Amino acid sequence: MVINNGIPPSVMKYALVATTEFFNLPIEEKMLLLSDDVHDPVSYGTSINHRNNKVHFWRDFIKHYSHPSSNWIYLWPSKPPSYKDKMGNYAKAVQMLQKQLMEAVRRLKFRAWLLTRGT
């Protein structure tokens, strides 16, 4: 977890609101995205497998590709109506954070390399 990550609290809050609204939809709406294929760019599912799981822990999920969001957002759920906007803003913020983290790692590795060369 990265704290003080620069993602505005309102963006995180609205992303949570959007997912809560999605999971509060009628089951028929969510089932439109049901998929067992892990390679589907958008899927809804549950971890319940009564045949194989001895412990029954209910976990619904929605998964969708989001990088870059412009390539995938048209596949994201249309309901609730604000889902694409709220999650799109969150996805963009996370992508920006990822770039910043990767740049920081790159710089640290470069400094470590310089130190091994004695410069």
PDB file of N, CA and C in Angstrom:
ATOM      1  N   MET A   1       0.843  -1.159   0.000  1.00  0.00           N
ATOM      2  CA  MET A   1       0.000   0.000   0.000  1.00  0.00           C
ATOM      3  C   MET A   1       0.895   1.232   0.000  1.00  0.00           C
ATOM      4  N   VAL A   2       0.497   2.206  -0.775  1.00  0.00           N
ATOM      5  CA  VAL A   2       1.218   3.471  -0.831  1.00  0.00           C
ATOM      6  C   VAL A   2       0.328   4.530  -0.189  1.00  0.00           C
ATOM      7  N   ILE A   3       0.784   5.087   0.933  1.00  0.00           N
ATOM      8  CA  ILE A   3       0.010   6.144   1.582  1.00  0.00           C
ATOM      9  C   ILE A   3       0.508   7.489   1.073  1.00  0.00           C
ATOM     10  N   ASN A   4      -0.332   8.500   1.216  1.00  0.00           N
ATOM     11  CA  ASN A   4      -0.005   9.839   0.698  1.00  0.00           C
ATOM     12  C   ASN A   4       0.456   9.737  -0.751  1.00  0.00           C
ATOM     13  N   ASN A   5      -0.338   9.014  -1.554  1.00  0.00           N
ATOM     14  CA  ASN A   5       0.062   8.681  -2.913  1.00  0.00           C
ATOM     15  C   ASN A   5      -0.268   9.738  -3.955  1.00  0.00           C
ATOM     16  N   GLY A   6      -0.941  10.792  -3.566  1.00  0.00           N
ATOM     17  CA  GLY A   6      -1.254  11.853  -4.511  1.00  0.00           C
ATOM     18  C   GLY A   6      -2.580  11.671  -5.230  1.00  0.00           C
ATOM     19  N   ILE A   7      -3.213  10.519  -5.061  1.00  0.00           N
ATOM     20  CA  ILE A   7      -4.541  10.338  -5.651  1.00  0.00           C
ATOM     21  C   ILE A   7      -5.521  11.095  -4.766  1.00  0.00           C
ATOM     22  N   PRO A   8      -6.267  12.038  -5.340  1.00  0.00           N
ATOM     23  CA  PRO A   8      -7.188  12.825  -4.518  1.00  0.00           C
ATOM     24  C   PRO A   8      -8.186  11.927  -3.773  1.00  0.00           C
ATOM     25  N   PRO A   9      -8.401  12.204  -2.502  1.00  0.00           N
ATOM     26  CA  PRO A   9      -9.370  11.411  -1.737  1.00  0.00           C
ATOM     27  C   PRO A   9     -10.739  11.358  -2.405  1.00  0.00           C
ATOM     28  N   SER A  10     -11.142  12.445  -3.060  1.00  0.00           N
ATOM     29  CA  SER A  10     -12.457  12.446  -3.718  1.00  0.00           C
ATOM     30  C   SER A  10     -12.498  11.439  -4.865  1.00  0.00           C
ATOM     31  N   VAL A  11     -11.391  11.260  -5.584  1.00  0.00           N
ATOM     32  CA  VAL A  11     -11.335  10.288  -6.676  1.00  0.00           C
ATOM     33  C   VAL A  11     -11.473   8.872  -6.119  1.00  0.00           C
ATOM     34  N   MET A  12     -10.777   8.602  -5.015  1.00  0.00           N
ATOM     35  CA  MET A  12     -10.898   7.280  -4.387  1.00  0.00           C
ATOM     36  C   MET A  12     -12.315   7.060  -3.854  1.00  0.00           C
ATOM     37  N   LYS A  13     -12.882   8.090  -3.229  1.00  0.00           N
ATOM     38  CA  LYS A  13     -14.229   7.982  -2.676  1.00  0.00           C
ATOM     39  C   LYS A  13     -15.238   7.692  -3.779  1.00  0.00           C
ATOM     40  N   TYR A  14     -15.160   8.426  -4.899  1.00  0.00           N
ATOM     41  CA  TYR A  14     -16.113   8.226  -5.979  1.00  0.00           C
ATOM     42  C   TYR A  14     -15.937   6.864  -6.649  1.00  0.00           C
ATOM     43  N   ALA A  15     -14.720   6.344  -6.681  1.00  0.00           N
ATOM     44  CA  ALA A  15     -14.502   4.996  -7.215  1.00  0.00           C
ATOM     45  C   ALA A  15     -15.190   3.959  -6.319  1.00  0.00           C
ATOM     46  N   LEU A  16     -15.072   4.138  -5.014  1.00  0.00           N
ATOM     47  CA  LEU A  16     -15.757   3.225  -4.084  1.00  0.00           C
ATOM     48  C   LEU A  16     -17.275   3.347  -4.196  1.00  0.00           C
ATOM     49  N   VAL A  17     -17.750   4.567  -4.385  1.00  0.00           N
ATOM     50  CA  VAL A  17     -19.195   4.773  -4.569  1.00  0.00           C
ATOM     51  C   VAL A  17     -19.655   4.046  -5.834  1.00  0.00           C
ATOM     52  N   ALA A  18     -18.888   4.180  -6.913  1.00  0.00           N
ATOM     53  CA  ALA A  18     -19.257   3.542  -8.183  1.00  0.00           C
ATOM     54  C   ALA A  18     -19.304   2.024  -8.049  1.00  0.00           C
ATOM     55  N   THR A  19     -18.317   1.446  -7.372  1.00  0.00           N
ATOM     56  CA  THR A  19     -18.325  -0.014  -7.223  1.00  0.00           C
ATOM     57  C   THR A  19     -19.447  -0.471  -6.294  1.00  0.00           C
ATOM     58  N   THR A  20     -19.704   0.293  -5.254  1.00  0.00           N
ATOM     59  CA  THR A  20     -20.822  -0.041  -4.365  1.00  0.00           C
ATOM     60  C   THR A  20     -22.135  -0.009  -5.129  1.00  0.00           C
ATOM     61  N   GLU A  21     -22.312   1.023  -5.959  1.00  0.00           N
ATOM     62  CA  GLU A  21     -23.527   1.113  -6.772  1.00  0.00           C
ATOM     63  C   GLU A  21     -23.621  -0.066  -7.739  1.00  0.00           C
ATOM     64  N   PHE A  22     -22.495  -0.477  -8.307  1.00  0.00           N
ATOM     65  CA  PHE A  22     -22.515  -1.627  -9.207  1.00  0.00           C
ATOM     66  C   PHE A  22     -22.957  -2.875  -8.456  1.00  0.00           C
ATOM     67  N   PHE A  23     -22.367  -3.146  -7.314  1.00  0.00           N
ATOM     68  CA  PHE A  23     -22.697  -4.361  -6.583  1.00  0.00           C
ATOM     69  C   PHE A  23     -24.098  -4.329  -5.982  1.00  0.00           C
ATOM     70  N   ASN A  24     -24.684  -3.145  -5.877  1.00  0.00           N
ATOM     71  CA  ASN A  24     -26.065  -3.027  -5.402  1.00  0.00           C
ATOM     72  C   ASN A  24     -27.090  -3.194  -6.520  1.00  0.00           C
ATOM     73  N   LEU A  25     -26.627  -3.332  -7.761  1.00  0.00           N
ATOM     74  CA  LEU A  25     -27.543  -3.550  -8.880  1.00  0.00           C
ATOM     75  C   LEU A  25     -28.233  -4.900  -8.727  1.00  0.00           C
ATOM     76  N   PRO A  26     -29.382  -5.068  -9.376  1.00  0.00           N
ATOM     77  CA  PRO A  26     -30.022  -6.385  -9.367  1.00  0.00           C
ATOM     78  C   PRO A  26     -29.087  -7.430  -9.993  1.00  0.00           C
ATOM     79  N   ILE A  27     -29.178  -8.641  -9.521  1.00  0.00           N
ATOM     80  CA  ILE A  27     -28.301  -9.708  -9.979  1.00  0.00           C
ATOM     81  C   ILE A  27     -28.375  -9.888 -11.495  1.00  0.00           C
ATOM     82  N   GLU A  28     -29.537  -9.655 -12.078  1.00  0.00           N
ATOM     83  CA  GLU A  28     -29.698  -9.812 -13.533  1.00  0.00           C
ATOM     84  C   GLU A  28     -28.785  -8.850 -14.294  1.00  0.00           C
ATOM     85  N   GLU A  29     -28.602  -7.660 -13.774  1.00  0.00           N
ATOM     86  CA  GLU A  29     -27.710  -6.673 -14.414  1.00  0.00           C
ATOM     87  C   GLU A  29     -26.256  -7.125 -14.339  1.00  0.00           C
ATOM     88  N   LYS A  30     -25.864  -7.601 -13.171  1.00  0.00           N
ATOM     89  CA  LYS A  30     -24.474  -8.038 -12.993  1.00  0.00           C
ATOM     90  C   LYS A  30     -24.184  -9.291 -13.805  1.00  0.00           C
ATOM     91  N   MET A  31     -25.159 -10.175 -13.935  1.00  0.00           N
ATOM     92  CA  MET A  31     -24.961 -11.427 -14.658  1.00  0.00           C
ATOM     93  C   MET A  31     -24.677 -11.206 -16.141  1.00  0.00           C
ATOM     94  N   LEU A  32     -25.016 -10.048 -16.661  1.00  0.00           N
ATOM     95  CA  LEU A  32     -24.692  -9.741 -18.057  1.00  0.00           C
ATOM     96  C   LEU A  32     -23.186  -9.753 -18.293  1.00  0.00           C
ATOM     97  N   LEU A  33     -22.418  -9.551 -17.223  1.00  0.00           N
ATOM     98  CA  LEU A  33     -20.955  -9.524 -17.321  1.00  0.00           C
ATOM     99  C   LEU A  33     -20.304 -10.799 -16.782  1.00  0.00           C
ATOM    100  N   LEU A  34     -21.113 -11.788 -16.434  1.00  0.00           N
ATOM    101  CA  LEU A  34     -20.592 -13.027 -15.869  1.00  0.00           C
ATOM    102  C   LEU A  34     -19.658 -13.714 -16.856  1.00  0.00           C
ATOM    103  N   SER A  35     -18.502 -14.139 -16.367  1.00  0.00           N
ATOM    104  CA  SER A  35     -17.544 -14.829 -17.222  1.00  0.00           C
ATOM    105  C   SER A  35     -16.638 -15.705 -16.368  1.00  0.00           C
ATOM    106  N   ASP A  36     -16.329 -16.881 -16.887  1.00  0.00           N
ATOM    107  CA  ASP A  36     -15.341 -17.760 -16.259  1.00  0.00           C
ATOM    108  C   ASP A  36     -13.983 -17.629 -16.925  1.00  0.00           C
ATOM    109  N   ASP A  37     -13.933 -16.886 -18.016  1.00  0.00           N
ATOM    110  CA  ASP A  37     -12.697 -16.731 -18.784  1.00  0.00           C
ATOM    111  C   ASP A  37     -11.860 -15.592 -18.195  1.00  0.00           C
ATOM    112  N   VAL A  38     -10.715 -15.921 -17.622  1.00  0.00           N
ATOM    113  CA  VAL A  38      -9.865 -14.909 -16.987  1.00  0.00           C
ATOM    114  C   VAL A  38      -9.286 -13.926 -18.009  1.00  0.00           C
ATOM    115  N   HIS A  39      -9.374 -14.250 -19.282  1.00  0.00           N
ATOM    116  CA  HIS A  39      -8.828 -13.375 -20.322  1.00  0.00           C
ATOM    117  C   HIS A  39      -9.852 -12.383 -20.864  1.00  0.00           C
ATOM    118  N   ASP A  40     -11.110 -12.499 -20.448  1.00  0.00           N
ATOM    119  CA  ASP A  40     -12.104 -11.513 -20.879  1.00  0.00           C
ATOM    120  C   ASP A  40     -11.716 -10.153 -20.319  1.00  0.00           C
ATOM    121  N   PRO A  41     -11.795  -9.102 -21.140  1.00  0.00           N
ATOM    122  CA  PRO A  41     -11.382  -7.780 -20.661  1.00  0.00           C
ATOM    123  C   PRO A  41     -12.295  -7.196 -19.594  1.00  0.00           C
ATOM    124  N   VAL A  42     -13.520  -7.694 -19.499  1.00  0.00           N
ATOM    125  CA  VAL A  42     -14.456  -7.272 -18.457  1.00  0.00           C
ATOM    126  C   VAL A  42     -15.191  -8.522 -17.988  1.00  0.00           C
ATOM    127  N   SER A  43     -15.225  -8.716 -16.674  1.00  0.00           N
ATOM    128  CA  SER A  43     -15.978  -9.863 -16.176  1.00  0.00           C
ATOM    129  C   SER A  43     -16.454  -9.625 -14.746  1.00  0.00           C
ATOM    130  N   TYR A  44     -17.583 -10.228 -14.468  1.00  0.00           N
ATOM    131  CA  TYR A  44     -18.157 -10.252 -13.131  1.00  0.00           C
ATOM    132  C   TYR A  44     -18.147 -11.709 -12.680  1.00  0.00           C
ATOM    133  N   GLY A  45     -17.927 -11.926 -11.426  1.00  0.00           N
ATOM    134  CA  GLY A  45     -17.945 -13.301 -10.945  1.00  0.00           C
ATOM    135  C   GLY A  45     -18.023 -13.351  -9.444  1.00  0.00           C
ATOM    136  N   THR A  46     -17.975 -14.565  -8.953  1.00  0.00           N
ATOM    137  CA  THR A  46     -18.009 -14.820  -7.533  1.00  0.00           C
ATOM    138  C   THR A  46     -17.022 -15.930  -7.225  1.00  0.00           C
ATOM    139  N   SER A  47     -16.537 -15.945  -6.020  1.00  0.00           N
ATOM    140  CA  SER A  47     -15.575 -16.974  -5.638  1.00  0.00           C
ATOM    141  C   SER A  47     -16.256 -18.239  -5.141  1.00  0.00           C
ATOM    142  N   ILE A  48     -17.564 -18.239  -5.079  1.00  0.00           N
ATOM    143  CA  ILE A  48     -18.285 -19.394  -4.567  1.00  0.00           C
ATOM    144  C   ILE A  48     -18.221 -20.539  -5.570  1.00  0.00           C
ATOM    145  N   ASN A  49     -17.715 -21.657  -5.121  1.00  0.00           N
ATOM    146  CA  ASN A  49     -17.722 -22.892  -5.892  1.00  0.00           C
ATOM    147  C   ASN A  49     -18.021 -24.005  -4.902  1.00  0.00           C
ATOM    148  N   HIS A  50     -19.297 -24.300  -4.748  1.00  0.00           N
ATOM    149  CA  HIS A  50     -19.728 -25.234  -3.710  1.00  0.00           C
ATOM    150  C   HIS A  50     -19.173 -26.638  -3.914  1.00  0.00           C
ATOM    151  N   ARG A  51     -18.854 -27.005  -5.124  1.00  0.00           N
ATOM    152  CA  ARG A  51     -18.324 -28.347  -5.372  1.00  0.00           C
ATOM    153  C   ARG A  51     -16.875 -28.475  -4.915  1.00  0.00           C
ATOM    154  N   ASN A  52     -16.086 -27.432  -5.117  1.00  0.00           N
ATOM    155  CA  ASN A  52     -14.648 -27.532  -4.847  1.00  0.00           C
ATOM    156  C   ASN A  52     -14.210 -26.899  -3.531  1.00  0.00           C
ATOM    157  N   ASN A  53     -14.907 -25.871  -3.081  1.00  0.00           N
ATOM    158  CA  ASN A  53     -14.482 -25.150  -1.887  1.00  0.00           C
ATOM    159  C   ASN A  53     -15.073 -25.779  -0.631  1.00  0.00           C
ATOM    160  N   LYS A  54     -14.212 -26.092   0.323  1.00  0.00           N
ATOM    161  CA  LYS A  54     -14.702 -26.613   1.600  1.00  0.00           C
ATOM    162  C   LYS A  54     -15.138 -25.467   2.515  1.00  0.00           C
ATOM    163  N   VAL A  55     -14.469 -24.328   2.391  1.00  0.00           N
ATOM    164  CA  VAL A  55     -14.851 -23.133   3.138  1.00  0.00           C
ATOM    165  C   VAL A  55     -15.583 -22.217   2.169  1.00  0.00           C
ATOM    166  N   HIS A  56     -16.754 -21.766   2.564  1.00  0.00           N
ATOM    167  CA  HIS A  56     -17.571 -20.942   1.678  1.00  0.00           C
ATOM    168  C   HIS A  56     -17.472 -19.481   2.108  1.00  0.00           C
ATOM    169  N   PHE A  57     -16.650 -18.765   1.399  1.00  0.00           N
ATOM    170  CA  PHE A  57     -16.447 -17.339   1.642  1.00  0.00           C
ATOM    171  C   PHE A  57     -16.917 -16.612   0.391  1.00  0.00           C
ATOM    172  N   TRP A  58     -17.985 -15.876   0.525  1.00  0.00           N
ATOM    173  CA  TRP A  58     -18.592 -15.208  -0.614  1.00  0.00           C
ATOM    174  C   TRP A  58     -17.795 -13.959  -0.984  1.00  0.00           C
ATOM    175  N   ARG A  59     -17.408 -13.887  -2.236  1.00  0.00           N
ATOM    176  CA  ARG A  59     -16.673 -12.726  -2.720  1.00  0.00           C
ATOM    177  C   ARG A  59     -17.087 -12.458  -4.158  1.00  0.00           C
ATOM    178  N   ASP A  60     -17.899 -11.444  -4.362  1.00  0.00           N
ATOM    179  CA  ASP A  60     -18.231 -11.017  -5.714  1.00  0.00           C
ATOM    180  C   ASP A  60     -17.131 -10.083  -6.197  1.00  0.00           C
ATOM    181  N   PHE A  61     -16.900 -10.073  -7.496  1.00  0.00           N
ATOM    182  CA  PHE A  61     -15.886  -9.170  -8.032  1.00  0.00           C
ATOM    183  C   PHE A  61     -16.272  -8.711  -9.431  1.00  0.00           C
ATOM    184  N   ILE A  62     -15.716  -7.580  -9.789  1.00  0.00           N
ATOM    185  CA  ILE A  62     -15.757  -7.111 -11.167  1.00  0.00           C
ATOM    186  C   ILE A  62     -14.315  -6.813 -11.541  1.00  0.00           C
ATOM    187  N   LYS A  63     -13.953  -7.248 -12.724  1.00  0.00           N
ATOM    188  CA  LYS A  63     -12.590  -7.045 -13.212  1.00  0.00           C
ATOM    189  C   LYS A  63     -12.706  -6.423 -14.596  1.00  0.00           C
ATOM    190  N   HIS A  64     -11.909  -5.404 -14.837  1.00  0.00           N
ATOM    191  CA  HIS A  64     -11.852  -4.871 -16.206  1.00  0.00           C
ATOM    192  C   HIS A  64     -10.487  -4.293 -16.479  1.00  0.00           C
ATOM    193  N   TYR A  65     -10.049  -4.471 -17.707  1.00  0.00           N
ATOM    194  CA  TYR A  65      -8.795  -3.877 -18.126  1.00  0.00           C
ATOM    195  C   TYR A  65      -8.953  -2.361 -18.075  1.00  0.00           C
ATOM    196  N   SER A  66      -7.842  -1.684 -17.811  1.00  0.00           N
ATOM    197  CA  SER A  66      -7.964  -0.231 -17.694  1.00  0.00           C
ATOM    198  C   SER A  66      -6.734   0.532 -18.170  1.00  0.00           C
ATOM    199  N   HIS A  67      -5.822  -0.133 -18.844  1.00  0.00           N
ATOM    200  CA  HIS A  67      -4.640   0.604 -19.307  1.00  0.00           C
ATOM    201  C   HIS A  67      -4.408   0.367 -20.784  1.00  0.00           C
ATOM    202  N   PRO A  68      -4.434   1.400 -21.562  1.00  0.00           N
ATOM    203  CA  PRO A  68      -4.978   2.719 -21.219  1.00  0.00           C
ATOM    204  C   PRO A  68      -6.506   2.669 -21.209  1.00  0.00           C
ATOM    205  N   SER A  69      -7.085   3.444 -20.353  1.00  0.00           N
ATOM    206  CA  SER A  69      -8.537   3.381 -20.168  1.00  0.00           C
ATOM    207  C   SER A  69      -9.283   3.689 -21.472  1.00  0.00           C
ATOM    208  N   SER A  70      -8.714   4.520 -22.324  1.00  0.00           N
ATOM    209  CA  SER A  70      -9.387   4.862 -23.578  1.00  0.00           C
ATOM    210  C   SER A  70      -9.584   3.641 -24.478  1.00  0.00           C
ATOM    211  N   ASN A  71      -8.764   2.608 -24.314  1.00  0.00           N
ATOM    212  CA  ASN A  71      -8.908   1.388 -25.116  1.00  0.00           C
ATOM    213  C   ASN A  71      -9.978   0.448 -24.586  1.00  0.00           C
ATOM    214  N   TRP A  72     -10.366   0.593 -23.324  1.00  0.00           N
ATOM    215  CA  TRP A  72     -11.233  -0.400 -22.698  1.00  0.00           C
ATOM    216  C   TRP A  72     -12.528   0.155 -22.124  1.00  0.00           C
ATOM    217  N   ILE A  73     -12.599   1.445 -21.898  1.00  0.00           N
ATOM    218  CA  ILE A  73     -13.724   2.012 -21.144  1.00  0.00           C
ATOM    219  C   ILE A  73     -15.074   1.733 -21.800  1.00  0.00           C
ATOM    220  N   TYR A  74     -15.103   1.606 -23.109  1.00  0.00           N
ATOM    221  CA  TYR A  74     -16.374   1.342 -23.789  1.00  0.00           C
ATOM    222  C   TYR A  74     -16.940  -0.039 -23.408  1.00  0.00           C
ATOM    223  N   LEU A  75     -16.088  -0.934 -22.890  1.00  0.00           N
ATOM    224  CA  LEU A  75     -16.532  -2.264 -22.472  1.00  0.00           C
ATOM    225  C   LEU A  75     -16.993  -2.306 -21.021  1.00  0.00           C
ATOM    226  N   TRP A  76     -16.650  -1.284 -20.246  1.00  0.00           N
ATOM    227  CA  TRP A  76     -16.989  -1.269 -18.829  1.00  0.00           C
ATOM    228  C   TRP A  76     -18.505  -1.198 -18.647  1.00  0.00           C
ATOM    229  N   PRO A  77     -18.985  -1.528 -17.454  1.00  0.00           N
ATOM    230  CA  PRO A  77     -20.441  -1.493 -17.215  1.00  0.00           C
ATOM    231  C   PRO A  77     -21.049  -0.125 -17.506  1.00  0.00           C
ATOM    232  N   SER A  78     -22.230  -0.165 -18.097  1.00  0.00           N
ATOM    233  CA  SER A  78     -22.982   1.072 -18.360  1.00  0.00           C
ATOM    234  C   SER A  78     -23.875   1.439 -17.187  1.00  0.00           C
ATOM    235  N   LYS A  79     -24.064   0.490 -16.300  1.00  0.00           N
ATOM    236  CA  LYS A  79     -24.864   0.738 -15.101  1.00  0.00           C
ATOM    237  C   LYS A  79     -23.994   0.425 -13.904  1.00  0.00           C
ATOM    238  N   PRO A  80     -24.010   1.276 -12.924  1.00  0.00           N
ATOM    239  CA  PRO A  80     -24.707   2.552 -12.838  1.00  0.00           C
ATOM    240  C   PRO A  80     -24.141   3.555 -13.849  1.00  0.00           C
ATOM    241  N   PRO A  81     -24.924   4.560 -14.202  1.00  0.00           N
ATOM    242  CA  PRO A  81     -24.518   5.494 -15.256  1.00  0.00           C
ATOM    243  C   PRO A  81     -23.194   6.219 -14.996  1.00  0.00           C
ATOM    244  N   SER A  82     -22.846   6.434 -13.749  1.00  0.00           N
ATOM    245  CA  SER A  82     -21.619   7.176 -13.430  1.00  0.00           C
ATOM    246  C   SER A  82     -20.380   6.276 -13.334  1.00  0.00           C
ATOM    247  N   TYR A  83     -20.542   4.978 -13.513  1.00  0.00           N
ATOM    248  CA  TYR A  83     -19.441   4.028 -13.298  1.00  0.00           C
ATOM    249  C   TYR A  83     -18.225   4.352 -14.161  1.00  0.00           C
ATOM    250  N   LYS A  84     -18.439   4.507 -15.445  1.00  0.00           N
ATOM    251  CA  LYS A  84     -17.307   4.723 -16.361  1.00  0.00           C
ATOM    252  C   LYS A  84     -16.548   6.004 -16.016  1.00  0.00           C
ATOM    253  N   ASP A  85     -17.261   7.052 -15.701  1.00  0.00           N
ATOM    254  CA  ASP A  85     -16.622   8.329 -15.375  1.00  0.00           C
ATOM    255  C   ASP A  85     -15.819   8.227 -14.082  1.00  0.00           C
ATOM    256  N   LYS A  86     -16.453   7.703 -13.035  1.00  0.00           N
ATOM    257  CA  LYS A  86     -15.785   7.625 -11.734  1.00  0.00           C
ATOM    258  C   LYS A  86     -14.606   6.663 -11.755  1.00  0.00           C
ATOM    259  N   MET A  87     -14.793   5.497 -12.337  1.00  0.00           N
ATOM    260  CA  MET A  87     -13.701   4.522 -12.393  1.00  0.00           C
ATOM    261  C   MET A  87     -12.633   4.943 -13.400  1.00  0.00           C
ATOM    262  N   GLY A  88     -13.049   5.652 -14.445  1.00  0.00           N
ATOM    263  CA  GLY A  88     -12.073   6.170 -15.410  1.00  0.00           C
ATOM    264  C   GLY A  88     -11.132   7.175 -14.770  1.00  0.00           C
ATOM    265  N   ASN A  89     -11.681   8.048 -13.941  1.00  0.00           N
ATOM    266  CA  ASN A  89     -10.842   9.012 -13.228  1.00  0.00           C
ATOM    267  C   ASN A  89      -9.878   8.307 -12.285  1.00  0.00           C
ATOM    268  N   TYR A  90     -10.369   7.281 -11.608  1.00  0.00           N
ATOM    269  CA  TYR A  90      -9.514   6.519 -10.696  1.00  0.00           C
ATOM    270  C   TYR A  90      -8.418   5.780 -11.469  1.00  0.00           C
ATOM    271  N   ALA A  91      -8.782   5.164 -12.564  1.00  0.00           N
ATOM    272  CA  ALA A  91      -7.800   4.427 -13.372  1.00  0.00           C
ATOM    273  C   ALA A  91      -6.699   5.360 -13.871  1.00  0.00           C
ATOM    274  N   LYS A  92      -7.065   6.546 -14.317  1.00  0.00           N
ATOM    275  CA  LYS A  92      -6.059   7.513 -14.780  1.00  0.00           C
ATOM    276  C   LYS A  92      -5.132   7.932 -13.644  1.00  0.00           C
ATOM    277  N   ALA A  93      -5.696   8.144 -12.456  1.00  0.00           N
ATOM    278  CA  ALA A  93      -4.884   8.540 -11.304  1.00  0.00           C
ATOM    279  C   ALA A  93      -3.919   7.418 -10.910  1.00  0.00           C
ATOM    280  N   VAL A  94      -4.385   6.175 -10.934  1.00  0.00           N
ATOM    281  CA  VAL A  94      -3.529   5.036 -10.592  1.00  0.00           C
ATOM    282  C   VAL A  94      -2.435   4.866 -11.631  1.00  0.00           C
ATOM    283  N   GLN A  95      -2.760   5.067 -12.895  1.00  0.00           N
ATOM    284  CA  GLN A  95      -1.744   4.957 -13.952  1.00  0.00           C
ATOM    285  C   GLN A  95      -0.664   6.024 -13.791  1.00  0.00           C
ATOM    286  N   MET A  96      -1.066   7.220 -13.397  1.00  0.00           N
ATOM    287  CA  MET A  96      -0.091   8.276 -13.164  1.00  0.00           C
ATOM    288  C   MET A  96       0.802   7.921 -11.966  1.00  0.00           C
ATOM    289  N   LEU A  97       0.208   7.385 -10.912  1.00  0.00           N
ATOM    290  CA  LEU A  97       0.976   6.953  -9.745  1.00  0.00           C
ATOM    291  C   LEU A  97       1.957   5.850 -10.133  1.00  0.00           C
ATOM    292  N   GLN A  98       1.515   4.905 -10.947  1.00  0.00           N
ATOM    293  CA  GLN A  98       2.377   3.809 -11.381  1.00  0.00           C
ATOM    294  C   GLN A  98       3.585   4.354 -12.133  1.00  0.00           C
ATOM    295  N   LYS A  99       3.378   5.336 -12.986  1.00  0.00           N
ATOM    296  CA  LYS A  99       4.497   5.940 -13.728  1.00  0.00           C
ATOM    297  C   LYS A  99       5.484   6.610 -12.772  1.00  0.00           C
ATOM    298  N   GLN A 100       4.961   7.297 -11.773  1.00  0.00           N
ATOM    299  CA  GLN A 100       5.821   7.962 -10.798  1.00  0.00           C
ATOM    300  C   GLN A 100       6.627   6.942  -9.998  1.00  0.00           C
ATOM    301  N   LEU A 101       5.991   5.852  -9.594  1.00  0.00           N
ATOM    302  CA  LEU A 101       6.694   4.815  -8.835  1.00  0.00           C
ATOM    303  C   LEU A 101       7.779   4.153  -9.681  1.00  0.00           C
ATOM    304  N   MET A 102       7.462   3.866 -10.925  1.00  0.00           N
ATOM    305  CA  MET A 102       8.449   3.234 -11.801  1.00  0.00           C
ATOM    306  C   MET A 102       9.629   4.172 -12.062  1.00  0.00           C
ATOM    307  N   GLU A 103       9.378   5.452 -12.182  1.00  0.00           N
ATOM    308  CA  GLU A 103      10.459   6.420 -12.369  1.00  0.00           C
ATOM    309  C   GLU A 103      11.336   6.474 -11.115  1.00  0.00           C
ATOM    310  N   ALA A 104      10.719   6.428  -9.939  1.00  0.00           N
ATOM    311  CA  ALA A 104      11.491   6.442  -8.698  1.00  0.00           C
ATOM    312  C   ALA A 104      12.366   5.193  -8.595  1.00  0.00           C
ATOM    313  N   VAL A 105      11.832   4.053  -8.960  1.00  0.00           N
ATOM    314  CA  VAL A 105      12.616   2.811  -8.935  1.00  0.00           C
ATOM    315  C   VAL A 105      13.762   2.907  -9.933  1.00  0.00           C
ATOM    316  N   ARG A 106      13.485   3.412 -11.117  1.00  0.00           N
ATOM    317  CA  ARG A 106      14.530   3.555 -12.135  1.00  0.00           C
ATOM    318  C   ARG A 106      15.666   4.431 -11.624  1.00  0.00           C
ATOM    319  N   ARG A 107      15.319   5.540 -10.991  1.00  0.00           N
ATOM    320  CA  ARG A 107      16.339   6.444 -10.469  1.00  0.00           C
ATOM    321  C   ARG A 107      17.172   5.786  -9.366  1.00  0.00           C
ATOM    322  N   LEU A 108      16.501   5.049  -8.477  1.00  0.00           N
ATOM    323  CA  LEU A 108      17.226   4.355  -7.409  1.00  0.00           C
ATOM    324  C   LEU A 108      18.178   3.309  -7.981  1.00  0.00           C
ATOM    325  N   LYS A 109      17.721   2.583  -8.976  1.00  0.00           N
ATOM    326  CA  LYS A 109      18.586   1.568  -9.593  1.00  0.00           C
ATOM    327  C   LYS A 109      19.783   2.224 -10.269  1.00  0.00           C
ATOM    328  N   PHE A 110      19.562   3.373 -10.905  1.00  0.00           N
ATOM    329  CA  PHE A 110      20.654   4.078 -11.562  1.00  0.00           C
ATOM    330  C   PHE A 110      21.672   4.563 -10.527  1.00  0.00           C
ATOM    331  N   ARG A 111      21.175   5.109  -9.415  1.00  0.00           N
ATOM    332  CA  ARG A 111      22.084   5.557  -8.348  1.00  0.00           C
ATOM    333  C   ARG A 111      22.876   4.384  -7.783  1.00  0.00           C
ATOM    334  N   ALA A 112      22.215   3.257  -7.582  1.00  0.00           N
ATOM    335  CA  ALA A 112      22.908   2.068  -7.077  1.00  0.00           C
ATOM    336  C   ALA A 112      23.986   1.626  -8.062  1.00  0.00           C
ATOM    337  N   TRP A 113      23.677   1.696  -9.326  1.00  0.00           N
ATOM    338  CA  TRP A 113      24.649   1.323 -10.367  1.00  0.00           C
ATOM    339  C   TRP A 113      25.846   2.266 -10.328  1.00  0.00           C
ATOM    340  N   LEU A 114      25.583   3.569 -10.167  1.00  0.00           N
ATOM    341  CA  LEU A 114      26.672   4.540 -10.073  1.00  0.00           C
ATOM    342  C   LEU A 114      27.563   4.250  -8.875  1.00  0.00           C
ATOM    343  N   LEU A 115      26.945   3.904  -7.744  1.00  0.00           N
ATOM    344  CA  LEU A 115      27.722   3.603  -6.545  1.00  0.00           C
ATOM    345  C   LEU A 115      28.622   2.377  -6.741  1.00  0.00           C
ATOM    346  N   THR A 116      28.156   1.400  -7.472  1.00  0.00           N
ATOM    347  CA  THR A 116      28.986   0.211  -7.695  1.00  0.00           C
ATOM    348  C   THR A 116      30.154   0.519  -8.606  1.00  0.00           C
ATOM    349  N   ARG A 117      30.071   1.571  -9.366  1.00  0.00           N
ATOM    350  CA  ARG A 117      31.148   1.958 -10.273  1.00  0.00           C
ATOM    351  C   ARG A 117      32.130   2.919  -9.585  1.00  0.00           C
ATOM    352  N   GLY A 118      31.740   3.369  -8.389  1.00  0.00           N
ATOM    353  CA  GLY A 118      32.614   4.269  -7.639  1.00  0.00           C
ATOM    354  C   GLY A 118      32.596   5.697  -8.123  1.00  0.00           C
ATOM    355  N   THR A 119      31.526   6.095  -8.796  1.00  0.00           N
ATOM    356  CA  THR A 119      31.437   7.478  -9.294  1.00  0.00           C
ATOM    357  C   THR A 119      30.482   8.296  -8.486  1.00  0.00           C
TER     358      THR A 119
END
